[in-house]
């Protein structure tokens, strides 16, 4: 075993679905930095192009609407042999359950869970046929911890975990690994509205052990790890990258303490 190359991805092809911004963009950049050729896929082709340009010759852009089930299948066919599939695309409607409409529910479930189902099936089938590959999806701390106003989002992120675990069990005999990453609160376009409110920002920052939000780039290392041979015996796992959020239950500051 050459441990110096443990995280290298030379000669491997990856697609990042949702590569136009945030975690997806940084994941694509990190995979390329470790030697992979990367397809930067996004509904917004202009932002996918921007990501590909940041990477350089090792990247190409691809337009895909994950809500179009036919488009997912066509992409799996068109992109050919892939060693790594990363799915970061997600949406949220922050409302309490009694205020939710059925249309809003369907919208969140369609992308966060429905598109995941199609991606796992379309890309996973080709990987199983070749006998290798790594599929990486993004759950959330909300897959295990809840917050008022996050119920439907939380349900989809918990559902993604069980879908990925099942895929890991079914694809494992063919040599295909399937894992999820569970971030805490990350500075992305999805959280921009909350980040803009100083009180909300501070409240979320103080929930983690590190006392701050994550930057998208801080999730990229987990993606590289799960894509690489460093994780060759890791499948069906959920890797928290949450700054200790799910490890901390409340805070205790003694009277008169400055901390």
Protein backbone atom coordinates (compact mmCIF):
# COMPACT_ATOMS: atom_id res chain seq x y z
CA UNK A 1 0.00 0.00 0.00
CA UNK A 2 1.41 3.36 -1.06
CA UNK A 3 -0.06 5.64 1.58
CA UNK A 4 1.26 8.69 -0.19
CA UNK A 5 -1.31 8.10 -2.94
CA UNK A 6 -4.18 7.08 -0.67
CA UNK A 7 -6.32 10.10 -1.53
CA UNK A 8 -5.25 10.45 -5.16
CA UNK A 9 -7.90 10.16 -7.88
CA UNK A 10 -5.69 10.13 -10.96
CA UNK A 11 -7.33 8.50 -13.95
CA UNK A 12 -10.82 8.58 -12.42
CA UNK A 13 -13.89 10.36 -13.77
CA UNK A 14 -16.38 12.09 -11.52
CA UNK A 15 -19.63 13.96 -11.93
CA UNK A 16 -20.84 16.49 -9.38
CA UNK A 17 -24.57 17.15 -9.62
CA UNK A 18 -25.16 20.65 -8.28
CA UNK A 19 -21.65 21.88 -9.11
CA UNK A 20 -22.72 25.41 -9.96
CA UNK A 21 -22.28 26.81 -6.45
CA UNK A 22 -21.65 26.13 -2.78
CA UNK A 23 -20.66 22.65 -1.65
CA UNK A 24 -20.99 21.27 -5.16
CA UNK A 25 -18.55 23.76 -6.62
CA UNK A 26 -15.96 23.15 -3.90
CA UNK A 27 -16.41 19.39 -4.19
CA UNK A 28 -15.70 19.54 -7.91
CA UNK A 29 -12.61 21.66 -7.35
CA UNK A 30 -11.28 19.32 -4.66
CA UNK A 31 -11.82 16.18 -6.73
CA UNK A 32 -9.96 17.74 -9.63
CA UNK A 33 -7.14 18.89 -7.36
CA UNK A 34 -6.63 15.24 -6.40
CA UNK A 35 -6.35 14.13 -10.01
CA UNK A 36 -9.89 13.36 -11.17
CA UNK A 37 -11.46 14.62 -14.36
CA UNK A 38 -14.75 16.21 -13.34
CA UNK A 39 -18.06 16.85 -15.04
CA UNK A 40 -19.61 19.92 -13.42
CA UNK A 41 -23.36 19.38 -13.78
CA UNK A 42 -26.02 21.86 -12.81
CA UNK A 43 -29.45 23.12 -13.87
CA UNK A 44 -27.79 26.51 -14.43
CA UNK A 45 -25.28 25.88 -17.22
CA UNK A 46 -23.67 29.31 -16.75
CA UNK A 47 -22.67 28.56 -13.16
CA UNK A 48 -21.53 25.06 -14.14
CA UNK A 49 -19.32 26.70 -16.76
CA UNK A 50 -17.91 29.02 -14.11
CA UNK A 51 -16.96 26.05 -11.94
CA UNK A 52 -15.37 24.26 -14.88
CA UNK A 53 -13.38 27.37 -15.75
CA UNK A 54 -12.11 27.62 -12.18
CA UNK A 55 -10.83 24.05 -12.47
CA UNK A 56 -9.38 24.24 -15.95
CA UNK A 57 -8.68 21.47 -18.45
CA UNK A 58 -9.70 18.70 -16.07
CA UNK A 59 -13.34 19.82 -16.06
CA UNK A 60 -16.30 20.15 -18.39
CA UNK A 61 -19.76 21.59 -17.82
CA UNK A 62 -23.05 19.76 -18.29
CA UNK A 63 -26.60 21.04 -18.06
CA UNK A 64 -29.11 18.86 -16.21
CA UNK A 65 -32.49 19.35 -14.59
CA UNK A 66 -32.63 16.72 -11.85
CA UNK A 67 -36.40 17.05 -11.67
CA UNK A 68 -36.59 15.66 -15.21
CA UNK A 69 -36.34 11.91 -14.63
CA UNK A 70 -35.61 11.36 -18.29
CA UNK A 71 -32.72 13.80 -18.13
CA UNK A 72 -31.09 11.84 -15.30
CA UNK A 73 -31.17 8.64 -17.31
CA UNK A 74 -29.88 10.40 -20.43
CA UNK A 75 -27.04 11.93 -18.42
CA UNK A 76 -25.98 8.55 -17.05
CA UNK A 77 -25.87 7.25 -20.61
CA UNK A 78 -24.18 10.29 -22.14
CA UNK A 79 -21.46 10.68 -19.54
CA UNK A 80 -20.29 7.10 -19.91
CA UNK A 81 -18.01 5.42 -17.41
CA UNK A 82 -17.84 7.24 -14.09
CA UNK A 83 -15.94 6.30 -10.97
CA UNK A 84 -17.52 8.89 -8.67
CA UNK A 85 -20.98 10.43 -8.49
CA UNK A 86 -21.57 13.31 -6.05
CA UNK A 87 -25.08 14.68 -5.48
CA UNK A 88 -25.34 18.00 -3.64
CA UNK A 89 -28.50 19.57 -5.08
CA UNK A 90 -31.28 20.28 -2.55
CA UNK A 91 -34.01 22.74 -1.68
CA UNK A 92 -35.96 23.79 1.41
CA UNK A 93 -39.13 25.63 2.32
CA UNK A 94 -38.85 26.82 5.90
CA UNK A 95 -42.36 26.63 7.33
CA UNK A 96 -44.08 24.89 10.19
CA UNK A 97 -46.05 21.83 9.16
CA UNK A 98 -49.44 23.45 9.68
CA UNK A 99 -48.47 26.26 7.31
CA UNK A 100 -47.11 23.99 4.57
CA UNK A 101 -48.99 23.55 1.32
CA UNK A 102 -49.08 20.28 -0.55
CA UNK A 103 -47.36 21.97 -3.49
CA UNK A 104 -44.46 23.07 -1.27
CA UNK A 105 -44.19 19.59 0.20
CA UNK A 106 -44.08 18.02 -3.26
CA UNK A 107 -41.41 20.49 -4.40
CA UNK A 108 -39.04 19.69 -1.54
CA UNK A 109 -39.60 15.93 -1.74
CA UNK A 110 -39.24 15.88 -5.52
CA UNK A 111 -35.72 17.28 -5.52
CA UNK A 112 -34.30 16.10 -2.21
CA UNK A 113 -35.60 12.54 -2.35
CA UNK A 114 -37.14 11.90 -5.75
CA UNK A 115 -34.11 13.09 -7.71
CA UNK A 116 -31.85 11.13 -5.36
CA UNK A 117 -33.81 7.97 -6.17
CA UNK A 118 -33.35 8.56 -9.89
CA UNK A 119 -29.63 9.35 -9.57
CA UNK A 120 -28.94 6.23 -7.49
CA UNK A 121 -30.79 4.05 -9.98
CA UNK A 122 -29.48 5.55 -13.22
CA UNK A 123 -25.83 6.02 -12.28
CA UNK A 124 -25.74 3.11 -9.84
CA UNK A 125 -26.88 0.62 -12.47
CA UNK A 126 -23.93 1.44 -14.70
CA UNK A 127 -21.49 1.25 -11.79
CA UNK A 128 -22.87 -2.12 -10.71
CA UNK A 129 -22.49 -3.34 -14.29
CA UNK A 130 -18.79 -2.32 -14.29
CA UNK A 131 -18.15 -3.60 -10.77
CA UNK A 132 -16.80 -0.41 -9.23
CA UNK A 133 -17.69 3.12 -8.17
CA UNK A 134 -18.46 5.49 -5.32
CA UNK A 135 -21.75 7.36 -4.90
CA UNK A 136 -21.76 10.24 -2.41
CA UNK A 137 -24.86 12.15 -1.34
CA UNK A 138 -25.60 14.90 1.12
CA UNK A 139 -27.90 14.34 4.05
CA UNK A 140 -27.85 16.86 6.92
CA UNK A 141 -27.84 17.17 10.68
CA UNK A 142 -31.58 17.49 10.08
CA UNK A 143 -31.60 13.82 9.16
CA UNK A 144 -31.26 13.08 12.88
CA UNK A 145 -32.09 16.34 14.68
CA UNK A 146 -35.18 18.43 14.05
CA UNK A 147 -36.10 22.08 14.29
CA UNK A 148 -39.52 23.76 13.97
CA UNK A 149 -39.94 24.86 10.38
CA UNK A 150 -37.63 22.17 9.00
CA UNK A 151 -39.92 19.14 9.13
CA UNK A 152 -40.25 18.27 5.45
CA UNK A 153 -36.60 19.01 4.74
CA UNK A 154 -35.62 16.83 7.70
CA UNK A 155 -37.82 14.00 6.48
CA UNK A 156 -36.18 14.03 3.05
CA UNK A 157 -32.68 14.07 4.53
CA UNK A 158 -33.50 11.14 6.81
CA UNK A 159 -35.04 9.35 3.85
CA UNK A 160 -31.90 9.90 1.78
CA UNK A 161 -29.85 8.12 4.45
CA UNK A 162 -32.03 5.03 4.37
CA UNK A 163 -32.10 5.03 0.57
CA UNK A 164 -28.30 5.21 0.49
CA UNK A 165 -27.93 2.48 3.11
CA UNK A 166 -30.15 0.22 1.06
CA UNK A 167 -28.17 1.01 -2.09
CA UNK A 168 -24.96 0.25 -0.19
CA UNK A 169 -26.35 -3.15 0.77
CA UNK A 170 -27.59 -3.94 -2.72
CA UNK A 171 -24.63 -2.56 -4.68
CA UNK A 172 -21.89 -3.70 -2.29
CA UNK A 173 -21.49 -7.22 -3.72
CA UNK A 174 -20.69 -5.59 -7.07
CA UNK A 175 -17.96 -3.43 -5.52
CA UNK A 176 -19.90 -0.15 -5.50
CA UNK A 177 -19.79 2.00 -2.37
CA UNK A 178 -22.60 4.37 -1.35
CA UNK A 179 -22.19 6.90 1.47
CA UNK A 180 -23.73 10.10 2.80
CA UNK A 181 -22.24 13.24 4.32
CA UNK A 182 -24.24 15.09 6.98
CA UNK A 183 -23.21 18.76 7.19
CA UNK A 184 -24.21 21.19 9.88
CA UNK A 185 -25.01 24.77 8.96
CA UNK A 186 -23.01 25.82 5.91
CA UNK A 187 -22.67 29.21 4.22
CA UNK A 188 -24.37 28.42 0.90
CA UNK A 189 -27.02 30.06 -1.29
CA UNK A 190 -29.61 27.86 0.45
CA UNK A 191 -28.81 29.45 3.82
CA UNK A 192 -28.05 32.99 2.62
CA UNK A 193 -31.30 34.45 3.94
CA UNK A 194 -30.64 33.12 7.45
CA UNK A 195 -26.99 34.13 7.39
CA UNK A 196 -28.04 37.71 6.64
CA UNK A 197 -29.83 37.93 10.01
CA UNK A 198 -27.18 38.45 12.75
CA UNK A 199 -29.34 36.90 15.46
CA UNK A 200 -30.04 33.77 13.44
CA UNK A 201 -26.42 33.51 12.39
CA UNK A 202 -25.22 33.71 15.99
CA UNK A 203 -27.85 31.26 17.25
CA UNK A 204 -26.76 28.62 14.76
CA UNK A 205 -23.06 29.32 15.26
CA UNK A 206 -23.40 28.82 19.00
CA UNK A 207 -25.01 25.39 18.54
CA UNK A 208 -21.80 23.82 17.26
CA UNK A 209 -18.77 22.95 19.36
CA UNK A 210 -16.62 25.18 17.14
CA UNK A 211 -18.91 28.17 17.52
CA UNK A 212 -19.24 29.05 13.85
CA UNK A 213 -20.77 28.07 10.53
CA UNK A 214 -18.94 25.92 8.00
CA UNK A 215 -17.55 27.17 4.73
CA UNK A 216 -18.41 25.06 1.65
CA UNK A 217 -14.74 24.20 1.18
CA UNK A 218 -14.75 22.46 4.57
CA UNK A 219 -17.04 19.76 3.18
CA UNK A 220 -14.81 19.01 0.21
CA UNK A 221 -12.33 16.91 2.17
CA UNK A 222 -15.06 14.46 3.15
CA UNK A 223 -16.04 14.12 -0.51
CA UNK A 224 -12.46 13.39 -1.57
CA UNK A 225 -12.10 10.87 1.25
CA UNK A 226 -15.24 8.94 0.32
CA UNK A 227 -14.32 9.02 -3.38
CA UNK A 228 -10.81 7.73 -2.81
CA UNK A 229 -9.15 4.45 -1.86
CA UNK A 230 -8.77 5.85 1.66
CA UNK A 231 -12.43 4.85 2.08
CA UNK A 232 -12.21 1.54 0.20
CA UNK A 233 -13.94 -0.33 3.07
CA UNK A 234 -16.46 2.42 3.88
CA UNK A 235 -20.01 2.00 2.61
CA UNK A 236 -23.46 2.59 4.04
CA UNK A 237 -21.97 5.25 6.30
CA UNK A 238 -23.16 8.70 7.30
CA UNK A 239 -20.20 11.00 7.90
CA UNK A 240 -21.06 14.04 10.07
CA UNK A 241 -19.20 17.21 9.14
CA UNK A 242 -21.09 19.44 11.52
CA UNK A 243 -18.57 21.17 13.78
CA UNK A 244 -19.73 18.99 16.67
CA UNK A 245 -23.39 20.06 16.40
CA UNK A 246 -24.82 16.57 16.96
CA UNK A 247 -22.33 15.87 19.76
CA UNK A 248 -23.38 18.84 21.89
CA UNK A 249 -26.65 18.87 23.82
CA UNK A 250 -27.02 22.24 25.50
CA UNK A 251 -24.44 24.44 27.18
CA UNK A 252 -23.41 25.09 30.74
CA UNK A 253 -21.75 28.29 31.86
CA UNK A 254 -21.17 28.58 35.63
CA UNK A 255 -22.42 31.80 37.24
CA UNK A 256 -19.88 34.55 36.83
CA UNK A 257 -17.99 32.63 34.17
CA UNK A 258 -16.67 34.58 31.21
CA UNK A 259 -17.14 31.52 28.98
